[in-house]
Protein backbone atom coordinates (compact mmCIF):
# COMPACT_ATOMS: atom_id res chain seq x y z
CA MET A 1 3.96 1.84 -35.22
CA ASN A 2 4.97 -1.66 -36.79
CA GLN A 3 5.82 -0.34 -40.32
CA TYR A 4 9.48 -0.63 -41.33
CA ALA A 5 11.67 0.80 -43.93
CA MET A 6 14.60 -0.27 -46.25
CA TYR A 7 16.97 2.41 -47.48
CA LEU A 8 19.81 1.27 -50.06
CA ARG A 9 22.46 3.55 -51.73
CA LYS A 10 25.36 2.81 -53.65
CA SER A 11 28.88 3.77 -52.78
CA ARG A 12 31.78 4.37 -55.00
CA ALA A 13 33.59 1.04 -53.89
CA ASP A 14 30.17 -0.64 -55.09
CA LEU A 15 30.66 1.00 -58.56
CA ASP A 16 33.83 -0.51 -58.87
CA ALA A 17 32.91 -3.58 -57.70
CA GLU A 18 30.19 -3.90 -60.58
CA ALA A 19 32.43 -2.80 -63.12
CA HIS A 20 34.44 -5.83 -62.25
CA GLY A 21 31.32 -7.92 -62.72
CA GLU A 22 30.38 -8.67 -58.94
CA GLY A 23 26.35 -7.93 -60.02
CA GLU A 24 24.45 -5.22 -59.26
CA THR A 25 24.80 -3.69 -55.60
CA LEU A 26 21.16 -2.57 -54.69
CA ALA A 27 19.83 -5.99 -55.88
CA ARG A 28 22.12 -8.04 -53.64
CA HIS A 29 21.93 -5.52 -50.77
CA LYS A 30 18.39 -5.87 -50.96
CA ASN A 31 17.97 -9.72 -51.07
CA ALA A 32 19.90 -9.75 -47.86
CA LEU A 33 17.94 -7.14 -45.94
CA LEU A 34 14.58 -9.27 -46.97
CA GLU A 35 16.44 -12.14 -45.54
CA LEU A 36 17.40 -10.08 -42.31
CA ALA A 37 13.54 -8.87 -42.13
CA GLN A 38 12.26 -12.44 -42.52
CA LYS A 39 14.32 -13.77 -39.81
CA MET A 40 13.53 -10.61 -37.27
CA ASN A 41 9.69 -11.11 -38.44
CA ILE A 42 9.67 -7.59 -39.57
CA THR A 43 7.62 -6.43 -42.47
CA VAL A 44 9.14 -3.99 -44.69
CA SER A 45 6.61 -1.46 -46.39
CA ASP A 46 8.64 0.77 -48.02
CA ILE A 47 11.94 0.51 -49.97
CA TYR A 48 13.72 3.38 -50.71
CA GLU A 49 16.25 3.23 -53.56
CA GLU A 50 19.13 5.89 -53.99
CA VAL A 51 20.11 5.70 -57.73
CA VAL A 52 23.01 8.91 -57.26
CA SER A 53 26.08 8.53 -54.95
CA GLY A 54 26.35 11.96 -53.27
CA ASP A 55 27.81 12.67 -49.97
CA SER A 56 25.23 15.27 -48.78
CA ILE A 57 21.40 15.04 -47.80
CA GLU A 58 20.74 17.85 -50.60
CA GLY A 59 21.91 15.64 -53.42
CA ARG A 60 20.11 12.55 -52.51
CA PRO A 61 16.36 13.00 -52.70
CA GLN A 62 15.61 9.45 -51.39
CA ILE A 63 16.81 10.14 -48.34
CA LYS A 64 15.28 13.45 -48.03
CA ASN A 65 11.93 11.54 -48.42
CA LEU A 66 12.71 9.18 -45.88
CA LEU A 67 13.99 11.66 -43.29
CA GLY A 68 10.09 13.38 -43.84
CA GLU A 69 8.60 10.49 -43.20
CA ILE A 70 10.78 9.51 -40.03
CA GLU A 71 10.17 13.04 -38.65
CA LYS A 72 6.34 12.10 -39.07
CA ARG A 73 6.98 9.02 -37.03
CA THR A 74 5.65 6.48 -39.92
CA TYR A 75 8.16 3.62 -39.35
CA ALA A 76 9.32 1.94 -36.21
CA GLY A 77 12.91 1.19 -37.72
CA VAL A 78 14.81 1.49 -41.19
CA LEU A 79 16.85 -1.22 -42.48
CA CYS A 80 20.17 -0.63 -44.15
CA MET A 81 23.19 -2.16 -45.04
CA ASP A 82 25.73 -0.21 -43.01
CA ILE A 83 25.48 2.81 -41.11
CA ASP A 84 27.33 4.83 -43.61
CA ARG A 85 24.96 4.26 -46.55
CA LEU A 86 22.97 6.72 -44.14
CA ALA A 87 25.12 9.50 -44.02
CA ARG A 88 28.73 10.03 -45.14
CA GLY A 89 28.39 13.89 -45.47
CA ASP A 90 29.56 16.73 -43.30
CA THR A 91 28.86 16.92 -39.77
CA ILE A 92 25.82 19.28 -40.39
CA ASP A 93 24.27 16.23 -42.27
CA GLN A 94 25.16 13.74 -40.03
CA GLY A 95 23.63 15.37 -37.10
CA ILE A 96 20.31 16.04 -39.14
CA ILE A 97 20.40 12.24 -39.66
CA ALA A 98 21.10 11.57 -36.31
CA ARG A 99 18.63 13.78 -34.64
CA ALA A 100 15.51 12.71 -37.05
CA PHE A 101 16.27 9.03 -35.82
CA ARG A 102 16.71 10.08 -32.11
CA LEU A 103 13.88 12.14 -31.77
CA SER A 104 11.23 9.85 -33.72
CA ASN A 105 12.61 6.75 -31.96
CA THR A 106 13.12 4.95 -35.10
CA LYS A 107 15.46 2.22 -34.95
CA ILE A 108 18.34 1.46 -37.66
CA ILE A 109 18.75 -2.19 -38.40
CA THR A 110 22.01 -3.37 -39.91
CA PRO A 111 23.02 -7.03 -40.50
CA LYS A 112 25.68 -6.38 -37.86
CA LYS A 113 23.63 -4.16 -35.36
CA THR A 114 20.37 -2.87 -34.25
CA TYR A 115 20.57 0.80 -33.02
CA ASP A 116 18.05 2.23 -30.50
CA PRO A 117 17.74 5.73 -29.95
CA ASN A 118 16.68 5.13 -26.61
CA SER A 119 20.02 3.76 -25.74
CA GLU A 120 22.89 5.83 -24.42
CA PHE A 121 25.62 3.77 -25.79
CA ASP A 122 23.74 2.88 -28.84
CA GLU A 123 23.43 6.45 -29.51
CA GLU A 124 27.48 7.19 -28.56
CA TYR A 125 28.30 4.18 -31.28
CA PHE A 126 26.28 5.10 -34.18
CA GLU A 127 27.63 8.59 -33.80
CA PHE A 128 31.18 7.25 -33.78
CA GLU A 129 30.27 5.10 -37.00
CA LEU A 130 28.89 8.16 -38.69
CA PHE A 131 32.10 10.03 -37.90
CA MET A 132 34.33 7.03 -38.95
CA ALA A 133 32.29 6.85 -42.01
CA ARG A 134 32.90 10.41 -42.92
CA ARG A 135 36.54 10.01 -42.41
CA GLU A 136 36.74 6.99 -44.50
CA PHE A 137 34.81 9.06 -47.36
CA LYS A 138 37.63 11.39 -47.41
CA ILE A 139 40.22 9.25 -47.46
CA ILE A 140 38.83 7.10 -50.50
CA GLY A 141 38.20 10.42 -52.18
CA ARG A 142 41.62 11.82 -52.27
CA ARG A 143 43.04 8.46 -52.98
CA ILE A 144 40.76 8.00 -55.90
CA GLN A 145 41.35 11.85 -56.87
CA ARG A 146 45.32 11.25 -56.49
CA GLY A 147 44.65 8.31 -59.42
CA ARG A 148 43.03 10.29 -61.58
CA ILE A 149 45.42 13.31 -61.59
CA ALA A 150 47.89 10.66 -61.98
CA SER A 151 46.67 8.93 -64.91
CA ALA A 152 45.70 12.17 -66.67
CA LYS A 153 49.14 13.50 -66.80
CA GLU A 154 50.53 10.25 -68.43
CA GLY A 155 47.92 11.59 -71.19
CA ARG A 156 45.25 8.51 -70.33
CA PHE A 157 41.64 9.53 -70.84
CA ILE A 158 39.65 9.35 -67.23
CA GLY A 159 36.42 10.88 -68.38
CA SER A 160 33.07 8.65 -68.26
CA THR A 161 31.92 9.35 -71.80
CA ALA A 162 34.34 9.89 -74.92
CA PRO A 163 34.19 13.42 -76.46
CA TYR A 164 32.42 13.83 -79.76
CA GLY A 165 34.75 12.36 -82.56
CA TYR A 166 36.03 9.63 -80.15
CA ASN A 167 35.32 6.22 -78.77
CA LYS A 168 36.89 5.35 -75.39
CA VAL A 169 38.83 1.99 -75.32
CA LYS A 170 41.20 -0.07 -73.24
CA ILE A 171 44.96 0.46 -73.68
CA PRO A 172 46.31 -2.86 -74.43
CA LYS A 173 48.25 -4.42 -72.44
CA ASP A 174 48.37 -1.85 -69.92
CA LYS A 175 45.99 0.02 -67.00
CA GLY A 176 43.46 2.75 -68.16
CA TYR A 177 41.63 4.07 -71.26
CA THR A 178 42.48 6.34 -74.10
CA LEU A 179 40.59 7.52 -77.02
CA GLU A 180 40.24 6.22 -80.75
CA PRO A 181 38.68 7.97 -83.89
CA ASP A 182 35.12 7.15 -84.60
CA PRO A 183 35.03 6.51 -88.40
CA ASP A 184 31.85 8.73 -88.82
CA GLU A 185 31.95 11.29 -85.62
CA SER A 186 35.27 12.25 -86.62
CA LYS A 187 34.72 13.50 -89.86
CA VAL A 188 32.03 15.83 -88.45
CA VAL A 189 34.55 17.37 -85.72
CA GLN A 190 36.89 17.97 -88.91
CA LEU A 191 33.91 19.26 -91.06
CA ILE A 192 32.85 21.96 -88.21
CA PHE A 193 36.45 22.89 -88.03
CA GLU A 194 36.86 23.67 -91.85
CA MET A 195 33.67 25.16 -92.02
CA TYR A 196 34.25 27.62 -89.36
CA LEU A 197 37.74 28.36 -90.92
CA ALA A 198 35.77 29.03 -93.99
CA GLY A 199 34.10 31.91 -92.33
CA ASP A 200 30.54 29.92 -91.51
CA GLY A 201 29.20 31.04 -88.22
CA LYS A 202 28.04 29.04 -85.09
CA TYR A 203 24.60 29.47 -85.82
CA VAL A 204 25.06 28.64 -89.42
CA ILE A 205 27.28 25.40 -88.67
CA ALA A 206 24.26 24.10 -86.38
CA ARG A 207 22.02 24.59 -88.93
CA LYS A 208 24.19 23.03 -91.85
CA LEU A 209 24.45 19.61 -89.79
CA ASP A 210 20.78 19.72 -88.82
CA ALA A 211 20.30 20.15 -92.86
CA LEU A 212 23.06 17.40 -93.45
CA GLY A 213 21.04 14.80 -91.39
CA ILE A 214 24.01 14.70 -89.18
CA LYS A 215 22.65 14.46 -85.52
CA PRO A 216 24.57 14.88 -82.30
CA ARG A 217 24.90 12.22 -79.47
CA ARG A 218 22.19 13.26 -77.13
CA ASN A 219 19.84 15.38 -78.88
CA GLU A 220 17.94 15.78 -82.30
CA HIS A 221 19.29 18.88 -83.32
CA TRP A 222 22.70 20.61 -82.91
CA SER A 223 22.79 23.37 -80.76
CA VAL A 224 25.47 26.89 -80.82
CA ALA A 225 26.72 25.37 -77.22
CA THR A 226 27.54 22.24 -78.78
CA VAL A 227 29.31 23.73 -81.61
CA ILE A 228 31.39 26.25 -79.53
CA ASN A 229 32.15 23.20 -77.04
CA ILE A 230 33.83 21.18 -79.66
CA LEU A 231 35.45 24.00 -81.19
CA LYS A 232 37.13 24.89 -77.83
CA ASN A 233 38.02 21.47 -76.74
CA PRO A 234 41.86 20.85 -76.94
CA VAL A 235 41.05 16.72 -77.44
CA TYR A 236 41.10 17.39 -80.84
CA ILE A 237 44.79 18.28 -81.01
CA GLY A 238 45.69 15.10 -78.90
CA LYS A 239 45.77 16.87 -75.45
CA THR A 240 44.38 15.46 -72.36
CA ARG A 241 42.54 18.15 -69.92
CA TRP A 242 41.81 17.45 -66.54
CA GLY A 243 40.07 19.54 -63.67
CA TYR A 244 39.27 22.23 -66.20
CA ARG A 245 36.04 23.10 -64.53
CA LYS A 246 36.09 22.68 -60.41
CA TYR A 247 33.13 22.98 -58.10
CA VAL A 248 33.26 25.44 -55.50
CA LYS A 249 30.79 25.50 -52.36
CA GLU A 250 29.40 28.80 -51.30
CA LEU A 251 26.70 29.69 -48.82
CA SER A 252 24.20 31.57 -50.13
CA ASP A 253 21.06 33.05 -47.67
CA GLY A 254 22.23 29.94 -45.17
CA ASN A 255 21.71 27.20 -48.13
CA LEU A 256 24.98 25.54 -49.64
CA VAL A 257 25.25 25.95 -53.28
CA GLN A 258 27.57 24.82 -55.77
CA HIS A 259 29.31 26.44 -58.71
CA ARG A 260 31.33 25.20 -61.51
CA VAL A 261 34.37 27.79 -62.08
CA LYS A 262 37.44 27.93 -64.33
CA ASN A 263 40.68 26.06 -62.92
CA ASP A 264 43.87 27.55 -63.76
CA GLU A 265 45.64 24.68 -62.25
CA CYS A 266 44.25 21.75 -64.16
CA VAL A 267 46.14 18.88 -65.76
CA TYR A 268 47.09 20.01 -69.25
CA VAL A 269 49.63 17.28 -71.24
CA ASP A 270 49.94 15.65 -74.74
CA GLY A 271 47.38 12.87 -74.53
CA LEU A 272 47.80 9.27 -75.94
CA HIS A 273 45.35 9.41 -78.16
CA PRO A 274 45.78 10.65 -82.06
CA PRO A 275 44.42 14.56 -82.90
CA LEU A 276 41.81 15.01 -85.44
CA ILE A 277 43.12 18.80 -86.14
CA SER A 278 46.07 20.00 -86.76
CA GLU A 279 47.81 22.62 -83.85
CA ALA A 280 47.78 25.33 -86.26
CA ASP A 281 44.11 25.41 -87.01
CA PHE A 282 42.86 25.13 -83.59
CA ASN A 283 44.99 28.00 -82.75
CA LYS A 284 43.65 29.50 -85.63
CA VAL A 285 40.28 28.77 -84.67
CA GLU A 286 40.88 30.38 -80.77
CA GLU A 287 41.90 33.09 -82.29
CA LEU A 288 39.09 34.09 -84.38
CA LEU A 289 36.67 32.70 -81.10
CA SER A 290 38.30 35.57 -79.04
CA ARG A 291 37.82 38.51 -81.75
CA LYS A 292 34.12 37.90 -81.38
CA VAL A 293 32.43 40.65 -79.78
CA THR A 294 30.64 39.64 -76.53
CA PRO A 295 27.51 41.44 -75.06
CA PRO A 296 28.67 42.93 -71.66
CA LYS A 297 27.17 40.64 -68.69
CA LYS A 298 23.99 41.85 -66.97
CA SER A 299 24.46 43.21 -63.70
CA ASP A 300 21.31 41.94 -62.65
CA LEU A 301 21.38 38.08 -62.70
CA SER A 302 18.71 37.59 -60.84
CA LEU A 303 16.31 35.05 -61.67
CA LYS A 304 13.03 36.59 -63.70
CA ASN A 305 11.17 33.47 -64.80
CA PRO A 306 8.89 32.77 -61.87
CA LEU A 307 7.75 29.43 -64.11
CA SER A 308 11.67 28.46 -64.46
CA GLY A 309 12.18 24.65 -64.10
CA LEU A 310 8.55 24.19 -63.87
CA ILE A 311 6.66 24.86 -67.38
CA TYR A 312 7.30 22.38 -70.15
CA CYS A 313 6.38 22.03 -73.99
CA GLY A 314 3.15 19.99 -74.71
CA LYS A 315 4.33 19.27 -78.27
CA CYS A 316 8.02 18.36 -77.85
CA GLY A 317 8.48 18.22 -74.11
CA SER A 318 11.35 20.75 -73.86
CA ALA A 319 11.67 23.44 -71.09
CA MET A 320 9.77 26.66 -71.86
CA THR A 321 11.93 29.46 -71.54
CA ARG A 322 11.66 33.34 -71.02
CA LEU A 323 12.38 35.96 -73.61
CA GLY A 324 12.73 39.50 -72.28
CA GLU A 325 11.35 42.52 -73.67
CA ASN A 326 12.67 44.12 -76.89
CA SER A 327 11.57 46.40 -79.52
CA ARG A 328 9.33 44.23 -81.27
CA CYS A 329 7.41 43.42 -77.73
CA ARG A 330 7.19 45.10 -74.67
CA SER A 331 6.28 42.08 -72.22
CA ALA A 332 8.43 39.03 -71.75
CA THR A 333 7.20 36.12 -73.19
CA LEU A 334 7.30 32.42 -72.72
CA LYS A 335 8.66 30.13 -75.70
CA CYS A 336 9.48 26.37 -76.15
CA SER A 337 13.37 26.16 -75.94
CA ASN A 338 13.31 23.86 -79.05
CA ARG A 339 13.88 26.12 -81.75
CA TYR A 340 12.33 23.54 -84.34
CA CYS A 341 9.12 23.13 -82.16
CA GLU A 342 5.70 24.80 -83.83
CA THR A 343 4.53 25.52 -80.45
CA VAL A 344 3.31 29.46 -80.21
CA ALA A 345 4.66 31.81 -77.67
CA SER A 346 2.79 33.80 -75.12
CA LYS A 347 2.80 36.51 -72.87
CA LEU A 348 4.46 35.18 -69.58
CA HIS A 349 1.95 37.22 -67.22
CA LEU A 350 -1.03 35.62 -69.27
CA VAL A 351 0.66 32.08 -68.70
CA GLU A 352 1.81 33.12 -64.94
CA ASN A 353 -2.15 34.31 -64.24
CA ALA A 354 -3.45 31.03 -65.95
CA VAL A 355 -1.41 28.87 -63.53
CA ILE A 356 -2.51 30.53 -60.34
CA ASP A 357 -6.02 30.48 -61.35
CA GLY A 358 -5.92 26.83 -62.42
CA LEU A 359 -3.85 25.99 -59.02
CA GLU A 360 -6.88 27.89 -57.11
CA ASN A 361 -9.63 25.91 -59.24
CA TRP A 362 -7.75 22.54 -58.51
CA LEU A 363 -7.32 23.58 -54.78
CA ASN A 364 -11.36 24.00 -54.59
CA GLU A 365 -11.94 20.87 -56.26
CA TYR A 366 -9.48 18.88 -54.13
CA ARG A 367 -10.85 20.30 -50.67
CA ILE A 368 -14.14 19.31 -51.76
CA ARG A 369 -12.87 15.47 -52.42
CA VAL A 370 -11.21 15.39 -49.18
CA GLU A 371 -14.09 16.57 -47.16
CA GLU A 372 -16.28 13.98 -48.65
CA ASN A 373 -13.93 11.05 -48.42
CA ALA A 374 -13.33 11.59 -44.65
CA PRO A 375 -15.28 14.42 -43.15
CA LEU A 376 -14.84 13.51 -39.30
CA VAL A 377 -11.20 12.56 -39.53
CA ASN A 378 -9.17 13.78 -36.66
CA GLU A 379 -6.31 12.50 -34.37
CA SER A 380 -8.55 10.59 -32.14
CA THR A 381 -10.18 8.79 -34.91
CA MET A 382 -6.40 7.49 -36.52
CA ASP A 383 -5.51 6.52 -32.79
CA ILE A 384 -8.53 4.36 -32.43
CA THR A 385 -7.55 3.05 -35.74
CA ALA A 386 -4.01 2.20 -34.84
CA LYS A 387 -5.29 0.64 -31.68
CA LYS A 388 -7.44 -1.60 -33.73
CA ILE A 389 -4.70 -2.74 -36.00
CA SER A 390 -2.76 -3.34 -33.02
CA ASP A 391 -5.37 -5.43 -31.53
CA LEU A 392 -5.72 -7.67 -34.61
CA LYS A 393 -2.23 -8.21 -34.83
CA SER A 394 -2.61 -9.68 -31.47
CA GLU A 395 -5.50 -11.66 -32.21
CA LYS A 396 -4.05 -12.82 -35.13
CA GLU A 397 -0.45 -14.06 -33.07
CA VAL A 398 -3.33 -15.77 -30.55
CA ILE A 399 -4.26 -17.76 -33.41
CA GLU A 400 -0.65 -18.59 -34.88
CA LYS A 401 0.11 -19.69 -31.53
CA GLN A 402 -2.88 -22.09 -31.49
CA LEU A 403 -1.56 -23.60 -35.18
CA GLU A 404 1.79 -24.05 -33.51
CA ASN A 405 0.40 -26.09 -30.85
CA THR A 406 -1.24 -28.37 -33.26
CA PHE A 407 1.46 -29.42 -34.15
CA ASP A 408 2.98 -30.18 -30.72
CA LEU A 409 -0.50 -32.32 -30.21
CA LEU A 410 0.03 -34.09 -33.18
CA GLU A 411 3.59 -35.23 -32.20
CA GLN A 412 2.69 -36.19 -28.68
CA GLY A 413 -0.24 -38.14 -30.26
CA ILE A 414 -3.15 -36.42 -28.86
CA TYR A 415 -4.47 -35.36 -32.24
CA THR A 416 -5.06 -37.78 -34.67
CA PRO A 417 -3.91 -36.65 -38.35
CA GLU A 418 -7.29 -36.31 -39.67
CA ILE A 419 -8.21 -34.04 -36.69
CA PHE A 420 -4.72 -32.06 -37.15
CA ARG A 421 -5.75 -31.60 -40.81
CA GLU A 422 -9.00 -30.28 -39.89
CA ARG A 423 -7.75 -28.30 -36.86
CA SER A 424 -5.03 -26.46 -38.95
CA GLU A 425 -7.02 -25.70 -41.61
CA ILE A 426 -9.49 -23.97 -39.61
CA LEU A 427 -6.69 -21.98 -38.09
CA LYS A 428 -5.29 -21.13 -41.32
CA GLY A 429 -8.45 -19.92 -42.49
CA LYS A 430 -8.77 -17.71 -39.53
CA ILE A 431 -5.17 -16.37 -40.02
CA SER A 432 -6.02 -15.48 -43.71
CA ALA A 433 -9.25 -13.88 -42.75
CA ALA A 434 -7.30 -12.02 -39.71
CA GLU A 435 -4.36 -10.99 -42.52
CA ASP A 436 -7.25 -9.56 -44.89
CA LYS A 437 -8.83 -7.44 -42.10
CA ILE A 438 -5.78 -6.32 -40.90
CA ALA A 439 -4.83 -4.90 -44.77
CA ARG A 440 -8.21 -3.40 -44.89
CA VAL A 441 -7.91 -1.49 -41.32
CA GLU A 442 -4.04 -0.54 -42.44
CA GLN A 443 -5.46 1.01 -45.90
CA GLU A 444 -8.25 2.82 -43.99
CA LEU A 445 -5.63 3.87 -41.68
CA LYS A 446 -3.55 5.32 -44.43
CA SER A 447 -6.60 6.73 -46.18
CA TYR A 448 -7.05 8.85 -42.66
CA ARG A 449 -3.85 9.93 -42.53
CA ASP A 450 -3.65 11.36 -46.17
CA SER A 451 -6.76 12.99 -45.72
CA PHE A 452 -5.84 14.73 -42.50
CA ASN A 453 -2.28 15.66 -43.84
CA ALA A 454 -4.57 16.76 -46.96
CA ARG A 455 -6.62 19.02 -44.80
CA ASN A 456 -4.16 20.11 -42.18
CA GLU A 457 -0.80 20.97 -43.79
CA PHE A 458 -1.24 20.54 -47.42
CA ILE A 459 -4.09 22.29 -48.22
CA PRO A 460 -3.27 25.03 -45.86
CA ARG A 461 -0.02 25.26 -47.59
CA VAL A 462 -1.50 25.57 -51.32
CA GLU A 463 -3.61 28.44 -49.70
CA ASN A 464 -0.81 30.43 -48.19
CA VAL A 465 1.29 29.81 -51.81
CA ILE A 466 -1.46 31.79 -53.61
CA LEU A 467 -2.27 34.37 -51.20
CA ILE A 468 1.57 35.39 -50.98
CA TYR A 469 2.12 34.68 -54.93
CA ARG A 470 -0.49 37.28 -55.67
CA THR A 471 1.01 40.06 -53.53
CA SER A 472 4.75 39.37 -54.23
CA SER A 473 7.18 40.95 -57.01
CA ASP A 474 9.96 38.73 -56.28
CA ALA A 475 10.19 36.09 -59.31
CA ALA A 476 12.48 34.02 -57.51
CA GLU A 477 10.33 33.78 -54.36
CA LYS A 478 7.38 33.00 -56.63
CA ASN A 479 9.37 30.18 -58.11
CA ARG A 480 10.29 28.99 -55.01
CA LEU A 481 6.63 28.92 -53.76
CA LEU A 482 5.30 27.30 -57.18
CA LYS A 483 7.79 24.50 -56.75
CA SER A 484 6.81 23.69 -53.47
CA VAL A 485 3.33 23.10 -54.43
CA ILE A 486 3.47 22.39 -58.09
CA LYS A 487 5.18 19.29 -59.70
CA ARG A 488 5.03 20.24 -63.21
CA VAL A 489 3.08 22.33 -65.84
CA THR A 490 2.42 21.29 -69.56
CA TYR A 491 1.85 24.45 -71.99
CA THR A 492 0.31 23.79 -75.31
CA LYS A 493 -0.63 26.56 -77.75
CA THR A 494 -1.06 26.08 -81.75
CA GLU A 495 -2.32 29.30 -83.02
CA ARG A 496 -0.84 32.88 -82.93
CA ASN A 497 -2.39 35.96 -81.48
CA THR A 498 -3.46 38.65 -83.92
CA ARG A 499 -3.07 42.33 -83.39
CA ARG A 500 -7.24 42.59 -82.22
CA ASN A 501 -6.80 40.13 -79.74
CA PRO A 502 -3.02 40.27 -78.32
CA ASP A 503 -4.17 39.44 -74.79
CA GLU A 504 -6.24 36.33 -75.38
CA ALA A 505 -4.90 33.75 -73.57
CA ASN A 506 -5.78 31.09 -76.30
CA PHE A 507 -3.90 28.11 -74.74
CA THR A 508 -4.11 25.37 -72.60
CA ILE A 509 -1.99 24.38 -69.37
CA PHE A 510 -2.01 21.17 -67.41
CA THR A 511 -0.70 21.58 -64.15
CA GLU A 512 0.50 18.53 -61.80
CA PRO A 513 0.56 19.28 -58.28
CA LEU A 514 3.00 18.25 -55.88
CA LEU A 515 0.74 16.04 -53.77
CA PRO A 516 1.59 14.74 -50.33
CA LYS A 517 2.94 11.30 -50.17
């Protein structure tokens, strides 16, 4: 096991440095670590670049992928700029990372120090570094939060993106940012308020804006939610609001989940920016919105769609959503969430059955391919192949030593320049041939490992998912099962069912399995 990985992640300080023109952080760190690897004669086979800056493992997909490979003992070591790039989460996250490296005997290599999990001193120093990283993370977080609150209380705009109708601008001769009206979008905001005060409802406003050819910032069409957010946002009367929604962490079935809830202690002050709407009109709109009768909340908020977050429209790419039973249709249906899309809806249970049947058919074909490609692969085969790679690398090192000796013999005058060139060319050819052979055998070992993991882990997991799925009636459990083996499902349907064939599955689906890496 001589493979090494590299892990790169941005910190909050990096984002600030980039804003001041210090260059892209991950590129600088990658170059520095590649130079370190070259000095240590280490070959980096995989690079994990984290594009999010989360404090927990759950919010960082690349660290989860890396830990999965570490648990399989894929790497002899991992290169990173600092210990705190690996973990700044709570003690549970830090413990998970420390244990993974310790039990897999994987080294952590930084420009300052190499941490050996077999060394008691290094283990203690590693845990101390993690503790200090977490402490520094909290201090920085509190300092940043205090600065944001102070800026918000002064009426500055501290959000990352300006609300629709405004542009984010630097305050002249002062720190921070404020808002200035966008010439085109500000008129749309005023039009939305005028239409609502004139009696147009939220749905009517959205459709009228689409008919006028006016587009929101991120989507092709206006949604009711976007219209409501504009009507309720006090930024349009010149107010600054910060911290209106806050994250609350809770434990649910042993898992840490986050919810956004209303914060009654949020900052709410006069902003430095000019208003687009009069306070009197804004209050009238708020009063009209509060009068609208809202349907009572359902007591049962459990997941009803087993395909939630998995199935997407083949025509427009939007997520497919579940529409519950009603007077017109006694079965739950699956429809495209884009109201302008022409994709036809289907009964949910028909699509669900098609997904499971398709997964089972794919599994049967995949099992045959695995058996045909490597029918005799087992742990002994992989051990023998790994030993072969080790022997080939040892042979290569001997040849490289011989090549080094030719330089010494040339300097000592034992080799003439002609003999040196002839001998060095022969040895270089042998080294190149050895490298090619090592690459072929390493690819062979990877193929063996993929086949072994597919046969002994992935295929049984998919079989178990199909078995449990067919006997389960819990949509949430079904959803978890599918997401463990399916990456994405694409649904396409152009013709409606008739009364004579209401249950005909006249649609096509394409299932993309979540194959092991």
